Amino acid sequence: MEAQNLHARPSDTHTRRTPGAAPAAGRWVLAVLRLSIGWIFLWAFLDKLFGLGFATPADGAWTAGGSPTYGFMAEAASGPFAGLYGSFAGAVWADWLFMAGLLGIGLAFLLGIGMRIAAAAGALMLVLMWTAVLPPPNNPFMDDHLVMALAMVALSLLNAGDTAGLGGWWSRLSLVRRVPALR
């Protein structure tokens, strides 16, 4: 017979969870957060690709010959890195990297697969966007870009793709088991 922990709360002795596993309600909140972030990235991709009229007008769409990076990097960037961002605003390589990043990160978070790579890429993209507008207009240093970057990393570390996503299936693939960074 197993010795009982005299300091355990009553609920601890009846419920066995994997160390670090979130309770069901917490897993669903993380899943909704993951899906929300995935949608933000995928929507930005779709809006810039087709000029859906939200952040990108129809005549500025990538499919209409517009640049997904030019407006922000050339006109909105400010602070100490504005010149750097302005120097490659609208460059073909920057447009392709930016759009590939938005699409890849959005799909990975929506599907719950490849979350570690997507979180690293998304956090890097968000930190770069943060540096493009230093200092932030409403706080000496903290803004939503940094908060979302941290949330993305946390979601990947907590395996948030397993709930309402394909993360559980994905993690059982032999390639993903051999290369955990693909998780």
N, C-alpha and C. Protein backbone atom coordinates (compact mmCIF):
# COMPACT_ATOMS: atom_id res chain seq x y z
N MET A 1 0.85 -1.19 0.00
CA MET A 1 0.00 0.00 0.00
C MET A 1 0.88 1.24 0.00
N GLU A 2 0.47 2.23 -0.75
CA GLU A 2 1.23 3.46 -0.91
C GLU A 2 1.07 4.36 0.31
N ALA A 3 2.18 4.96 0.75
CA ALA A 3 2.11 5.89 1.88
C ALA A 3 1.42 7.17 1.44
N GLN A 4 0.58 7.68 2.30
CA GLN A 4 -0.14 8.91 1.97
C GLN A 4 0.68 10.12 2.36
N ASN A 5 0.56 11.16 1.56
CA ASN A 5 1.22 12.42 1.85
C ASN A 5 0.33 13.17 2.84
N LEU A 6 0.83 13.38 4.04
CA LEU A 6 0.03 14.03 5.08
C LEU A 6 -0.20 15.51 4.81
N HIS A 7 0.62 16.08 3.93
CA HIS A 7 0.48 17.51 3.63
C HIS A 7 -0.30 17.77 2.36
N ALA A 8 -0.78 16.73 1.72
CA ALA A 8 -1.52 16.90 0.46
C ALA A 8 -2.91 17.42 0.74
N ARG A 9 -3.39 18.23 -0.18
CA ARG A 9 -4.77 18.68 -0.10
C ARG A 9 -5.66 17.49 -0.44
N PRO A 10 -6.91 17.45 0.05
CA PRO A 10 -7.79 16.32 -0.23
C PRO A 10 -7.94 16.03 -1.72
N SER A 11 -8.03 17.07 -2.55
CA SER A 11 -8.22 16.83 -3.98
C SER A 11 -6.98 16.22 -4.62
N ASP A 12 -5.79 16.46 -4.04
CA ASP A 12 -4.56 15.92 -4.60
C ASP A 12 -4.50 14.40 -4.48
N THR A 13 -5.10 13.84 -3.45
CA THR A 13 -5.00 12.39 -3.26
C THR A 13 -5.97 11.64 -4.16
N HIS A 14 -6.92 12.32 -4.77
CA HIS A 14 -7.91 11.65 -5.63
C HIS A 14 -7.66 11.87 -7.11
N THR A 15 -6.84 12.84 -7.45
CA THR A 15 -6.61 13.19 -8.84
C THR A 15 -5.13 13.05 -9.15
N ARG A 16 -4.81 12.22 -10.12
CA ARG A 16 -3.42 12.08 -10.56
C ARG A 16 -3.29 12.73 -11.93
N ARG A 17 -2.42 13.71 -12.02
CA ARG A 17 -2.17 14.39 -13.30
C ARG A 17 -0.69 14.29 -13.62
N THR A 18 -0.41 14.38 -14.88
CA THR A 18 0.97 14.46 -15.31
C THR A 18 1.55 15.76 -14.76
N PRO A 19 2.78 15.71 -14.21
CA PRO A 19 3.37 16.96 -13.70
C PRO A 19 3.38 18.03 -14.79
N GLY A 20 2.92 19.22 -14.45
CA GLY A 20 2.90 20.32 -15.39
C GLY A 20 1.66 20.37 -16.27
N ALA A 21 0.81 19.34 -16.21
CA ALA A 21 -0.39 19.34 -17.05
C ALA A 21 -1.43 20.29 -16.47
N ALA A 22 -2.05 21.05 -17.34
CA ALA A 22 -3.07 22.00 -16.90
C ALA A 22 -4.40 21.27 -16.74
N PRO A 23 -5.24 21.73 -15.82
CA PRO A 23 -6.58 21.14 -15.72
C PRO A 23 -7.36 21.41 -17.00
N ALA A 24 -8.43 20.67 -17.20
CA ALA A 24 -9.20 20.73 -18.45
C ALA A 24 -9.61 22.16 -18.81
N ALA A 25 -10.13 22.92 -17.87
CA ALA A 25 -10.57 24.29 -18.18
C ALA A 25 -9.38 25.14 -18.63
N GLY A 26 -8.25 24.97 -17.98
CA GLY A 26 -7.05 25.71 -18.37
C GLY A 26 -6.58 25.32 -19.76
N ARG A 27 -6.64 24.03 -20.08
CA ARG A 27 -6.24 23.59 -21.42
C ARG A 27 -7.13 24.21 -22.48
N TRP A 28 -8.42 24.35 -22.21
CA TRP A 28 -9.33 24.95 -23.19
C TRP A 28 -9.10 26.44 -23.34
N VAL A 29 -8.78 27.11 -22.24
CA VAL A 29 -8.44 28.54 -22.34
C VAL A 29 -7.18 28.72 -23.18
N LEU A 30 -6.17 27.86 -22.95
CA LEU A 30 -4.95 27.93 -23.75
C LEU A 30 -5.24 27.63 -25.22
N ALA A 31 -6.14 26.68 -25.48
CA ALA A 31 -6.49 26.36 -26.87
C ALA A 31 -7.16 27.55 -27.55
N VAL A 32 -8.05 28.22 -26.85
CA VAL A 32 -8.71 29.40 -27.43
C VAL A 32 -7.69 30.51 -27.66
N LEU A 33 -6.76 30.70 -26.73
CA LEU A 33 -5.69 31.69 -26.91
C LEU A 33 -4.84 31.33 -28.13
N ARG A 34 -4.47 30.06 -28.26
CA ARG A 34 -3.69 29.59 -29.41
C ARG A 34 -4.42 29.83 -30.71
N LEU A 35 -5.69 29.46 -30.77
CA LEU A 35 -6.49 29.67 -31.98
C LEU A 35 -6.63 31.16 -32.31
N SER A 36 -6.77 31.98 -31.29
CA SER A 36 -6.89 33.43 -31.50
C SER A 36 -5.61 34.00 -32.10
N ILE A 37 -4.48 33.62 -31.56
CA ILE A 37 -3.21 34.11 -32.09
C ILE A 37 -3.00 33.58 -33.51
N GLY A 38 -3.33 32.32 -33.74
CA GLY A 38 -3.21 31.76 -35.08
C GLY A 38 -4.05 32.53 -36.08
N TRP A 39 -5.27 32.89 -35.67
CA TRP A 39 -6.16 33.64 -36.56
C TRP A 39 -5.61 35.04 -36.83
N ILE A 40 -5.03 35.69 -35.82
CA ILE A 40 -4.46 37.02 -36.02
C ILE A 40 -3.39 36.97 -37.11
N PHE A 41 -2.52 35.98 -37.04
CA PHE A 41 -1.46 35.86 -38.05
C PHE A 41 -2.02 35.48 -39.42
N LEU A 42 -2.93 34.52 -39.46
CA LEU A 42 -3.50 34.11 -40.75
C LEU A 42 -4.30 35.25 -41.37
N TRP A 43 -5.05 35.98 -40.55
CA TRP A 43 -5.84 37.10 -41.07
C TRP A 43 -4.93 38.18 -41.64
N ALA A 44 -3.84 38.49 -40.96
CA ALA A 44 -2.90 39.48 -41.48
C ALA A 44 -2.37 39.04 -42.85
N PHE A 45 -2.07 37.74 -42.98
CA PHE A 45 -1.62 37.21 -44.26
C PHE A 45 -2.69 37.41 -45.34
N LEU A 46 -3.92 37.01 -45.05
CA LEU A 46 -5.00 37.10 -46.03
C LEU A 46 -5.31 38.54 -46.41
N ASP A 47 -5.31 39.43 -45.42
CA ASP A 47 -5.60 40.84 -45.68
C ASP A 47 -4.52 41.46 -46.56
N LYS A 48 -3.26 41.15 -46.29
CA LYS A 48 -2.17 41.69 -47.10
C LYS A 48 -2.11 41.04 -48.48
N LEU A 49 -2.49 39.78 -48.56
CA LEU A 49 -2.46 39.08 -49.84
C LEU A 49 -3.55 39.59 -50.78
N PHE A 50 -4.76 39.76 -50.25
CA PHE A 50 -5.91 40.10 -51.10
C PHE A 50 -6.42 41.54 -50.93
N GLY A 51 -5.89 42.29 -49.97
CA GLY A 51 -6.35 43.66 -49.75
C GLY A 51 -7.82 43.68 -49.38
N LEU A 52 -8.14 43.05 -48.27
CA LEU A 52 -9.54 42.90 -47.85
C LEU A 52 -10.13 44.17 -47.26
N GLY A 53 -9.34 45.23 -47.19
CA GLY A 53 -9.86 46.52 -46.76
C GLY A 53 -9.80 46.78 -45.27
N PHE A 54 -9.15 45.94 -44.51
CA PHE A 54 -9.02 46.18 -43.08
C PHE A 54 -7.74 46.98 -42.84
N ALA A 55 -6.59 46.33 -42.85
CA ALA A 55 -5.32 47.07 -42.74
C ALA A 55 -4.76 47.36 -44.13
N THR A 56 -5.22 46.63 -45.13
CA THR A 56 -4.68 46.77 -46.48
C THR A 56 -5.81 47.06 -47.47
N PRO A 57 -5.75 48.19 -48.15
CA PRO A 57 -6.78 48.47 -49.17
C PRO A 57 -6.59 47.54 -50.37
N ALA A 58 -7.64 47.37 -51.15
CA ALA A 58 -7.60 46.46 -52.30
C ALA A 58 -6.47 46.78 -53.26
N ASP A 59 -6.22 48.07 -53.50
CA ASP A 59 -5.16 48.42 -54.46
C ASP A 59 -3.76 48.24 -53.87
N GLY A 60 -3.67 47.96 -52.57
CA GLY A 60 -2.37 47.71 -51.94
C GLY A 60 -2.09 46.24 -51.73
N ALA A 61 -2.99 45.37 -52.17
CA ALA A 61 -2.83 43.93 -51.98
C ALA A 61 -1.57 43.42 -52.67
N TRP A 62 -1.00 42.38 -52.12
CA TRP A 62 0.17 41.77 -52.72
C TRP A 62 -0.18 41.22 -54.10
N THR A 63 -1.40 40.67 -54.24
CA THR A 63 -1.84 40.15 -55.53
C THR A 63 -2.08 41.26 -56.55
N ALA A 64 -2.20 42.51 -56.08
CA ALA A 64 -2.40 43.64 -57.00
C ALA A 64 -1.09 44.40 -57.23
N GLY A 65 0.03 43.80 -56.79
CA GLY A 65 1.32 44.43 -57.00
C GLY A 65 1.82 45.26 -55.84
N GLY A 66 1.06 45.31 -54.75
CA GLY A 66 1.49 46.05 -53.57
C GLY A 66 2.54 45.29 -52.78
N SER A 67 3.12 45.96 -51.82
CA SER A 67 4.14 45.35 -50.97
C SER A 67 3.58 45.19 -49.56
N PRO A 68 3.64 43.97 -49.02
CA PRO A 68 3.14 43.77 -47.66
C PRO A 68 4.00 44.44 -46.59
N THR A 69 5.24 44.80 -46.92
CA THR A 69 6.12 45.39 -45.90
C THR A 69 6.32 46.89 -46.07
N TYR A 70 6.08 47.43 -47.23
CA TYR A 70 6.45 48.81 -47.50
C TYR A 70 5.77 49.82 -46.57
N GLY A 71 4.46 49.76 -46.46
CA GLY A 71 3.74 50.77 -45.68
C GLY A 71 4.21 50.87 -44.25
N PHE A 72 4.32 49.74 -43.57
CA PHE A 72 4.73 49.75 -42.17
C PHE A 72 6.19 50.16 -42.03
N MET A 73 7.05 49.54 -42.81
CA MET A 73 8.49 49.79 -42.63
C MET A 73 8.93 51.17 -43.10
N ALA A 74 8.33 51.67 -44.15
CA ALA A 74 8.75 52.97 -44.69
C ALA A 74 8.02 54.13 -44.05
N GLU A 75 6.77 53.93 -43.64
CA GLU A 75 5.96 55.05 -43.18
C GLU A 75 5.62 55.03 -41.69
N ALA A 76 5.47 53.85 -41.10
CA ALA A 76 5.07 53.78 -39.70
C ALA A 76 6.25 53.58 -38.75
N ALA A 77 7.35 53.04 -39.25
CA ALA A 77 8.51 52.81 -38.37
C ALA A 77 9.02 54.14 -37.84
N SER A 78 9.39 54.12 -36.56
CA SER A 78 9.92 55.33 -35.92
C SER A 78 10.96 54.91 -34.90
N GLY A 79 11.66 55.87 -34.37
CA GLY A 79 12.64 55.56 -33.34
C GLY A 79 13.99 55.19 -33.91
N PRO A 80 14.81 54.57 -33.08
CA PRO A 80 16.21 54.35 -33.45
C PRO A 80 16.44 53.40 -34.62
N PHE A 81 15.47 52.55 -34.94
CA PHE A 81 15.66 51.58 -36.02
C PHE A 81 14.88 51.93 -37.28
N ALA A 82 14.27 53.09 -37.33
CA ALA A 82 13.45 53.48 -38.48
C ALA A 82 14.26 53.46 -39.78
N GLY A 83 15.48 53.94 -39.75
CA GLY A 83 16.32 53.94 -40.95
C GLY A 83 16.64 52.55 -41.43
N LEU A 84 16.90 51.65 -40.50
CA LEU A 84 17.19 50.25 -40.86
C LEU A 84 15.98 49.62 -41.55
N TYR A 85 14.81 49.77 -40.93
CA TYR A 85 13.60 49.17 -41.52
C TYR A 85 13.24 49.84 -42.84
N GLY A 86 13.41 51.13 -42.92
CA GLY A 86 13.14 51.84 -44.17
C GLY A 86 14.04 51.39 -45.30
N SER A 87 15.27 50.95 -44.97
CA SER A 87 16.22 50.55 -46.01
C SER A 87 15.81 49.28 -46.74
N PHE A 88 15.02 48.43 -46.11
CA PHE A 88 14.56 47.24 -46.84
C PHE A 88 13.05 47.17 -46.96
N ALA A 89 12.38 48.27 -46.73
CA ALA A 89 10.93 48.34 -46.92
C ALA A 89 10.59 48.06 -48.38
N GLY A 90 9.71 47.12 -48.60
CA GLY A 90 9.27 46.79 -49.95
C GLY A 90 10.21 45.88 -50.72
N ALA A 91 11.33 45.46 -50.13
CA ALA A 91 12.24 44.54 -50.82
C ALA A 91 11.54 43.21 -51.03
N VAL A 92 11.78 42.60 -52.16
CA VAL A 92 11.12 41.33 -52.50
C VAL A 92 11.40 40.28 -51.44
N TRP A 93 12.64 40.17 -50.99
CA TRP A 93 12.98 39.16 -49.99
C TRP A 93 12.24 39.42 -48.68
N ALA A 94 12.09 40.69 -48.30
CA ALA A 94 11.38 41.03 -47.06
C ALA A 94 9.90 40.70 -47.18
N ASP A 95 9.31 41.02 -48.34
CA ASP A 95 7.90 40.69 -48.56
C ASP A 95 7.67 39.19 -48.46
N TRP A 96 8.51 38.39 -49.13
CA TRP A 96 8.34 36.94 -49.12
C TRP A 96 8.55 36.35 -47.72
N LEU A 97 9.59 36.80 -47.01
CA LEU A 97 9.82 36.30 -45.65
C LEU A 97 8.66 36.65 -44.72
N PHE A 98 8.21 37.89 -44.81
CA PHE A 98 7.11 38.35 -43.96
C PHE A 98 5.84 37.55 -44.23
N MET A 99 5.48 37.41 -45.48
CA MET A 99 4.25 36.68 -45.83
C MET A 99 4.36 35.20 -45.49
N ALA A 100 5.51 34.58 -45.75
CA ALA A 100 5.70 33.18 -45.38
C ALA A 100 5.59 33.01 -43.87
N GLY A 101 6.15 33.96 -43.13
CA GLY A 101 6.06 33.91 -41.68
C GLY A 101 4.63 34.02 -41.19
N LEU A 102 3.89 34.99 -41.72
CA LEU A 102 2.48 35.14 -41.31
C LEU A 102 1.68 33.87 -41.59
N LEU A 103 1.84 33.32 -42.79
CA LEU A 103 1.10 32.11 -43.17
C LEU A 103 1.52 30.92 -42.32
N GLY A 104 2.82 30.68 -42.21
CA GLY A 104 3.30 29.52 -41.47
C GLY A 104 2.94 29.57 -40.00
N ILE A 105 3.13 30.71 -39.38
CA ILE A 105 2.81 30.86 -37.96
C ILE A 105 1.31 30.73 -37.74
N GLY A 106 0.53 31.37 -38.60
CA GLY A 106 -0.93 31.29 -38.46
C GLY A 106 -1.43 29.86 -38.58
N LEU A 107 -0.97 29.14 -39.60
CA LEU A 107 -1.42 27.76 -39.79
C LEU A 107 -0.94 26.85 -38.66
N ALA A 108 0.32 27.01 -38.24
CA ALA A 108 0.84 26.17 -37.16
C ALA A 108 0.03 26.36 -35.89
N PHE A 109 -0.29 27.59 -35.54
CA PHE A 109 -1.06 27.83 -34.32
C PHE A 109 -2.51 27.38 -34.47
N LEU A 110 -3.10 27.57 -35.64
CA LEU A 110 -4.47 27.10 -35.82
C LEU A 110 -4.56 25.58 -35.78
N LEU A 111 -3.59 24.90 -36.37
CA LEU A 111 -3.59 23.44 -36.40
C LEU A 111 -3.01 22.82 -35.14
N GLY A 112 -2.21 23.57 -34.40
CA GLY A 112 -1.59 23.04 -33.18
C GLY A 112 -0.37 22.19 -33.46
N ILE A 113 0.26 22.35 -34.61
CA ILE A 113 1.43 21.56 -34.97
C ILE A 113 2.62 22.48 -35.25
N GLY A 114 3.81 21.97 -35.01
CA GLY A 114 4.99 22.79 -35.25
C GLY A 114 5.03 24.04 -34.40
N MET A 115 4.44 23.95 -33.23
CA MET A 115 4.27 25.14 -32.39
C MET A 115 5.59 25.72 -31.87
N ARG A 116 6.59 24.89 -31.64
CA ARG A 116 7.86 25.41 -31.11
C ARG A 116 8.55 26.29 -32.13
N ILE A 117 8.63 25.83 -33.36
CA ILE A 117 9.25 26.64 -34.42
C ILE A 117 8.40 27.87 -34.70
N ALA A 118 7.08 27.68 -34.76
CA ALA A 118 6.18 28.81 -35.03
C ALA A 118 6.24 29.84 -33.91
N ALA A 119 6.35 29.38 -32.67
CA ALA A 119 6.43 30.32 -31.54
C ALA A 119 7.74 31.10 -31.59
N ALA A 120 8.83 30.43 -31.92
CA ALA A 120 10.12 31.12 -32.02
C ALA A 120 10.07 32.15 -33.15
N ALA A 121 9.55 31.74 -34.31
CA ALA A 121 9.46 32.66 -35.45
C ALA A 121 8.50 33.80 -35.16
N GLY A 122 7.37 33.48 -34.55
CA GLY A 122 6.39 34.52 -34.22
C GLY A 122 6.91 35.49 -33.18
N ALA A 123 7.58 34.97 -32.16
CA ALA A 123 8.15 35.85 -31.14
C ALA A 123 9.21 36.76 -31.77
N LEU A 124 10.05 36.21 -32.64
CA LEU A 124 11.05 37.03 -33.32
C LEU A 124 10.38 38.11 -34.17
N MET A 125 9.36 37.73 -34.93
CA MET A 125 8.65 38.71 -35.77
C MET A 125 8.03 39.82 -34.91
N LEU A 126 7.42 39.44 -33.81
CA LEU A 126 6.78 40.43 -32.95
C LEU A 126 7.80 41.35 -32.27
N VAL A 127 8.93 40.79 -31.85
CA VAL A 127 9.97 41.63 -31.24
C VAL A 127 10.54 42.59 -32.28
N LEU A 128 10.72 42.13 -33.51
CA LEU A 128 11.18 43.04 -34.57
C LEU A 128 10.15 44.14 -34.83
N MET A 129 8.88 43.80 -34.81
CA MET A 129 7.84 44.82 -34.99
C MET A 129 7.86 45.81 -33.82
N TRP A 130 8.13 45.31 -32.63
CA TRP A 130 8.23 46.17 -31.45
C TRP A 130 9.39 47.14 -31.62
N THR A 131 10.54 46.65 -32.13
CA THR A 131 11.69 47.53 -32.29
C THR A 131 11.45 48.59 -33.37
N ALA A 132 10.52 48.32 -34.26
CA ALA A 132 10.24 49.28 -35.34
C ALA A 132 9.51 50.52 -34.86
N VAL A 133 8.93 50.48 -33.67
CA VAL A 133 8.17 51.63 -33.16
C VAL A 133 8.62 52.04 -31.76
N LEU A 134 9.91 51.88 -31.50
CA LEU A 134 10.41 52.26 -30.17
C LEU A 134 10.48 53.78 -30.03
N PRO A 135 10.17 54.32 -28.89
CA PRO A 135 9.49 53.66 -27.79
C PRO A 135 8.00 53.51 -28.09
N PRO A 136 7.37 52.51 -27.46
CA PRO A 136 5.93 52.34 -27.69
C PRO A 136 5.17 53.60 -27.27
N PRO A 137 4.06 53.88 -27.92
CA PRO A 137 3.35 55.14 -27.63
C PRO A 137 2.68 55.21 -26.27
N ASN A 138 2.39 54.05 -25.63
CA ASN A 138 1.61 54.09 -24.40
C ASN A 138 2.32 53.58 -23.16
N ASN A 139 3.61 53.25 -23.27
CA ASN A 139 4.33 52.66 -22.16
C ASN A 139 5.82 52.85 -22.44
N PRO A 140 6.64 52.97 -21.41
CA PRO A 140 8.08 53.17 -21.66
C PRO A 140 8.73 52.04 -22.48
N PHE A 141 8.27 50.79 -22.31
CA PHE A 141 8.88 49.70 -23.07
C PHE A 141 7.92 48.57 -23.40
N MET A 142 6.91 48.32 -22.59
CA MET A 142 6.05 47.15 -22.77
C MET A 142 4.88 47.49 -23.69
N ASP A 143 4.59 46.56 -24.61
CA ASP A 143 3.37 46.70 -25.42
C ASP A 143 2.87 45.33 -25.82
N ASP A 144 1.80 45.31 -26.60
CA ASP A 144 1.14 44.05 -26.95
C ASP A 144 2.02 43.12 -27.77
N HIS A 145 3.00 43.64 -28.51
CA HIS A 145 3.89 42.77 -29.28
C HIS A 145 4.69 41.86 -28.35
N LEU A 146 5.23 42.43 -27.28
CA LEU A 146 6.01 41.64 -26.34
C LEU A 146 5.13 40.66 -25.56
N VAL A 147 3.94 41.09 -25.18
CA VAL A 147 3.03 40.21 -24.44
C VAL A 147 2.63 39.02 -25.32
N MET A 148 2.29 39.28 -26.59
CA MET A 148 1.91 38.18 -27.48
C MET A 148 3.10 37.26 -27.73
N ALA A 149 4.30 37.80 -27.86
CA ALA A 149 5.49 36.96 -28.04
C ALA A 149 5.66 36.01 -26.86
N LEU A 150 5.50 36.53 -25.65
CA LEU A 150 5.60 35.67 -24.46
C LEU A 150 4.49 34.63 -24.43
N ALA A 151 3.28 35.03 -24.80
CA ALA A 151 2.16 34.09 -24.83
C ALA A 151 2.43 32.96 -25.83
N MET A 152 3.00 33.30 -26.97
CA MET A 152 3.28 32.27 -27.98
C MET A 152 4.29 31.25 -27.46
N VAL A 153 5.33 31.74 -26.81
CA VAL A 153 6.33 30.83 -26.25
C VAL A 153 5.70 29.96 -25.18
N ALA A 154 4.90 30.55 -24.30
CA ALA A 154 4.24 29.77 -23.24
C ALA A 154 3.32 28.71 -23.85
N LEU A 155 2.55 29.06 -24.86
CA LEU A 155 1.65 28.10 -25.49
C LEU A 155 2.42 26.92 -26.07
N SER A 156 3.56 27.20 -26.67
CA SER A 156 4.34 26.09 -27.25
C SER A 156 4.92 25.21 -26.15
N LEU A 157 5.39 25.80 -25.07
CA LEU A 157 5.97 25.02 -23.97
C LEU A 157 4.92 24.21 -23.22
N LEU A 158 3.69 24.68 -23.23
CA LEU A 158 2.60 23.98 -22.53
C LEU A 158 1.85 23.01 -23.44
N ASN A 159 2.37 22.81 -24.65
CA ASN A 159 1.74 21.89 -25.61
C ASN A 159 0.27 22.21 -25.84
N ALA A 160 -0.02 23.49 -26.02
CA ALA A 160 -1.40 23.93 -26.20
C ALA A 160 -2.02 23.42 -27.50
N GLY A 161 -1.22 22.91 -28.40
CA GLY A 161 -1.75 22.36 -29.65
C GLY A 161 -2.43 21.02 -29.48
N ASP A 162 -2.30 20.41 -28.29
CA ASP A 162 -2.92 19.10 -28.05
C ASP A 162 -4.43 19.19 -27.85
N THR A 163 -4.91 20.34 -27.37
CA THR A 163 -6.34 20.53 -27.14
C THR A 163 -6.92 21.31 -28.31
N ALA A 164 -7.94 20.77 -28.93
CA ALA A 164 -8.59 21.39 -30.10
C ALA A 164 -7.58 21.63 -31.22
N GLY A 165 -6.66 20.72 -31.34
CA GLY A 165 -5.65 20.81 -32.40
C GLY A 165 -5.09 19.44 -32.70
N LEU A 166 -4.16 19.42 -33.61
CA LEU A 166 -3.55 18.17 -34.04
C LEU A 166 -2.23 17.88 -33.33
N GLY A 167 -1.94 18.61 -32.27
CA GLY A 167 -0.67 18.49 -31.58
C GLY A 167 -0.39 17.12 -31.00
N GLY A 168 -1.39 16.46 -30.45
CA GLY A 168 -1.20 15.12 -29.89
C GLY A 168 -0.80 14.13 -30.97
N TRP A 169 -1.52 14.14 -32.07
CA TRP A 169 -1.19 13.27 -33.20
C TRP A 169 0.19 13.61 -33.74
N TRP A 170 0.44 14.89 -33.94
CA TRP A 170 1.71 15.38 -34.48
C TRP A 170 2.88 14.90 -33.62
N SER A 171 2.73 14.99 -32.30
CA SER A 171 3.84 14.64 -31.39
C SER A 171 4.17 13.15 -31.44
N ARG A 172 3.26 12.31 -31.91
CA ARG A 172 3.51 10.87 -32.00
C ARG A 172 4.19 10.45 -33.31
N LEU A 173 4.32 11.37 -34.26
CA LEU A 173 5.01 11.04 -35.50
C LEU A 173 6.48 10.76 -35.20
N SER A 174 7.05 9.77 -35.88
CA SER A 174 8.43 9.38 -35.58
C SER A 174 9.41 10.53 -35.81
N LEU A 175 9.22 11.31 -36.87
CA LEU A 175 10.12 12.44 -37.13
C LEU A 175 10.06 13.46 -35.99
N VAL A 176 8.87 13.74 -35.50
CA VAL A 176 8.71 14.72 -34.42
C VAL A 176 9.30 14.17 -33.13
N ARG A 177 9.17 12.86 -32.89
CA ARG A 177 9.79 12.27 -31.70
C ARG A 177 11.31 12.33 -31.78
N ARG A 178 11.86 12.17 -33.00
CA ARG A 178 13.32 12.26 -33.17
C ARG A 178 13.83 13.70 -33.10
N VAL A 179 13.00 14.66 -33.56
CA VAL A 179 13.40 16.07 -33.58
C VAL A 179 12.35 16.85 -32.78
N PRO A 180 12.49 16.91 -31.46
CA PRO A 180 11.48 17.55 -30.62
C PRO A 180 11.21 19.03 -30.95
N ALA A 181 12.15 19.70 -31.60
CA ALA A 181 11.93 21.10 -31.97
C ALA A 181 10.74 21.23 -32.94
N LEU A 182 10.38 20.14 -33.61
CA LEU A 182 9.24 20.18 -34.53
C LEU A 182 7.92 20.10 -33.79
N ARG A 183 7.91 19.82 -32.52
CA ARG A 183 6.69 19.67 -31.71
C ARG A 183 5.93 20.95 -31.80
